[in-house]
Structure formats: structure tokens, C-alpha cells
């Protein structure tokens, strides 16, 4: 290794480190964004499941009322 190549290699290494640092920053930002989206989707899913259960209960109650009316008729 010659003395002239050392600064070139150090500069190349510094550029690689800078690229890796930037990539790491971008991946962290993307990860945060994905986690936020996931939390929102999980929350939305829970709300939808709850609404679905409420609708199912109302439909079952209507069916029971209809059966009761049918039996009384």
C-alpha cells in the first residue's frame, strides 16, 4: 500500500460510511412510518370488528323477534 493510495481509500471509506448513514436514516424513517400505518390499521380493524359484532347482534335480535311474532301469529 503506497502513501498516495491511503487518502483515496480513506475518502472512499468516508463516502461509503456517509451513504450507509443516509440509508440507515431513510430506513428508520420508513420503519417509523410503517409502524404508524400498522397501528392505524390495527385500530381500524378493531373498530370494524366491533361494528360487525354489533350488526350481527342486531340481526340476531331481529330474527328472534320475527320468530316470536311468527309463533304468536
Protein backbone atom coordinates (compact mmCIF):
# COMPACT_ATOMS: atom_id res chain seq x y z
CA UNK A 1 0.00 0.00 0.00
CA UNK A 2 1.52 3.29 -1.03
CA UNK A 3 1.19 6.52 0.88
CA UNK A 4 -0.69 8.09 -2.06
CA UNK A 5 -3.44 5.46 -2.02
CA UNK A 6 -4.23 5.87 1.69
CA UNK A 7 -6.03 9.25 1.33
CA UNK A 8 -8.01 7.92 -1.64
CA UNK A 9 -9.02 4.85 0.34
CA UNK A 10 -9.96 6.97 3.35
CA UNK A 11 -12.08 9.22 1.15
CA UNK A 12 -13.77 6.21 -0.41
CA UNK A 13 -14.42 4.74 3.02
CA UNK A 14 -15.81 8.07 4.25
CA UNK A 15 -18.20 8.17 1.26
CA UNK A 16 -19.36 4.63 1.96
CA UNK A 17 -19.97 5.49 5.61
CA UNK A 18 -21.95 8.58 4.57
CA UNK A 19 -24.08 6.51 2.16
CA UNK A 20 -24.70 3.90 4.85
CA UNK A 21 -25.62 6.61 7.35
CA UNK A 22 -28.12 8.13 4.91
CA UNK A 23 -29.56 4.72 4.11
CA UNK A 24 -29.90 4.00 7.80
CA UNK A 25 -31.75 7.32 8.31
CA UNK A 26 -34.12 6.59 5.43
CA UNK A 27 -34.82 3.08 6.72
CA UNK A 28 -35.52 4.39 10.22
CA UNK A 29 -37.96 6.96 8.80
CA UNK A 30 -39.65 4.32 6.68
CA UNK A 31 -39.83 1.96 9.65
CA UNK A 32 -41.49 4.66 11.78
CA UNK A 33 -43.96 5.40 9.02
CA UNK A 34 -44.80 1.71 8.57
CA UNK A 35 -45.28 1.23 12.30
CA UNK A 36 -47.63 4.21 12.43
CA UNK A 37 -49.60 2.83 9.49
CA UNK A 38 -49.74 -0.58 11.12
CA UNK A 39 -51.06 0.90 14.38
CA UNK A 40 -53.74 2.81 12.46
CA UNK A 41 -54.75 -0.31 10.54
CA UNK A 42 -54.92 -2.40 13.71
CA UNK A 43 -57.10 0.26 15.32
CA UNK A 44 -59.32 0.49 12.23
CA UNK A 45 -59.65 -3.31 12.14
CA UNK A 46 -60.69 -3.40 15.80
CA UNK A 47 -63.34 -0.74 15.14
CA UNK A 48 -64.64 -2.63 12.12
CA UNK A 49 -64.79 -5.90 14.05
CA UNK A 50 -66.75 -4.15 16.78
CA UNK A 51 -69.21 -2.68 14.27
CA UNK A 52 -69.56 -6.09 12.64
CA UNK A 53 -70.33 -7.69 16.00
CA UNK A 54 -72.93 -5.01 16.78
CA UNK A 55 -74.59 -5.54 13.39
CA UNK A 56 -74.59 -9.30 13.90
CA UNK A 57 -76.22 -8.88 17.31
CA UNK A 58 -78.90 -6.60 15.88
CA UNK A 59 -79.64 -9.04 13.04
CA UNK A 60 -79.88 -11.93 15.50
CA UNK A 61 -82.24 -9.89 17.69
CA UNK A 62 -84.43 -9.10 14.67
CA UNK A 63 -84.52 -12.78 13.72
CA UNK A 64 -85.58 -13.68 17.26
CA UNK A 65 -88.33 -11.04 17.19
CA UNK A 66 -89.55 -12.29 13.82
CA UNK A 67 -89.61 -15.87 15.09
CA UNK A 68 -91.52 -14.72 18.15
CA UNK A 69 -94.03 -12.86 16.00
CA UNK A 70 -94.38 -15.90 13.75
CA UNK A 71 -95.08 -18.18 16.70
CA UNK A 72 -97.67 -15.78 18.12
CA UNK A 73 -99.47 -15.44 14.81
